[in-house]
Amino acid sequence: MDALNGFHQNVLTTHSRKVLRIISHFGLYEYLRMPFGIKNAPSHYQRMMNTIFPLELLEGWLIIYIDNIIICSETWQLHLERLSLVIRKILQVNMEISLKKCNSWFNELKALGHVVSGLSLGVDKNKVAAVLLKQMPQKKKEMMSFLGFASYYRQHLKDLAIHARSLYRICDQQTVFKMKQERIQAYKKIRYALTNAPLLLRPVWKLPFSLYIDACGEGLGAALHQVQIVNDKPYERQIYFISRRIKPTEARYGASRIEFLFLIWALEKLHYYLDGSVF
C-alpha cells in the first residue's frame, strides 16, 4: 500500500504554520498541511505511522517505511485477516490510500531498490540498469554518487570496499581526479558485481553458518554462507557480504594481528546472525 500524498494528510499546528510562512509580493501564505521538503517531515510521518500500528510492527508482519505499507503473511487466510485489520485502522484515522499503487497477493515485490520474497533478497535490476547506462564518472561528485549507489547494495557485493579503495582515494579533496588504468579496472569490477549481484537467501536458523574472511593490504572482506537443502540436495548459499577499508594505523599491523582484528570485526558486524548459532 502507498498513502495518497502522505505528507499532505497531516494537519499542521498553529505554531508550525507560522514557522512555514511564505512571504512574497503577492502577500503572506501559510501551509495548512505538512508540505514535502521539510527536513523533519519524514521522521515525523514515520513516527505517526508507528503510533497508528504499534502492535502490528512489534509482531513483525507489518513493515512501514514512511508512506509505504507492506503486509507479510504465510497463508491466504491469514493475509486476509491482517489486510482487514490494517484497512480498519486506516479508516479510523481517515487516512487516504492510493489505489493505483496498491498490490496484493504477490510472492515477491519491489521495495526500496530490492526485490523481496519470503526466501530471498535481490537487487532491483531496473534500478541498477538506470545507473549503469551512464558513462564513466568524469568528476569527483559523479564518482561519489556512483560509490554511494554501490554502497547501498554492499550486502550483495563481495569485497566492495577492497575494489573501491582506489576510487575513494581520488575523491579526496587534496587529490586530483584522474582515472588511471587501475581505477578504471576497479570501476569495471564494481559495475560487473552490481550487474551480477547474487540473491541473498533467507537463513535457516537451525542450520549452521559458514563464515569466510579475507584480509589483505587493501581492505577486509567477509562472506556469510549456509548450506541449505534444495530438492533433497545440499547447496551452499550466500546470506550476507561485508567489507571495509583498512585504516592507516591498521596497515602497519602484522598479518596475524590484522586477521584477528578482522575476525572480531566480522563477528561484531554479523552478530545478529551468529549469536546463538552454530558456525
Foldseek 3Di string as FASTA:
>chain_A
DFFDQQQQVAADDPVQQVVPWDQDPVGIDTDRTGDPDDPCSQVVQVVVVCVLPVVCVVVPQWDDRRGDIHGHDDDPVVSVVVVVVVVVSCVVVVTHHDPVPDDDDDQWDDDPQWIDGPWWIGGDLVVLVVLVVDDDDPDLVNLVVVLVVLVVVQFQAWALQLLCQVVVVCSDPVHPDDCDPSNVVSVVVSSVCNNVRDIATDDDQQFAKDKDWDDDLFWIKIWIWTFDADPNDTDIGTHTIDIHGDDPVLSPDDPVVNVVVRVVVVCVVCVVRPVVGHD
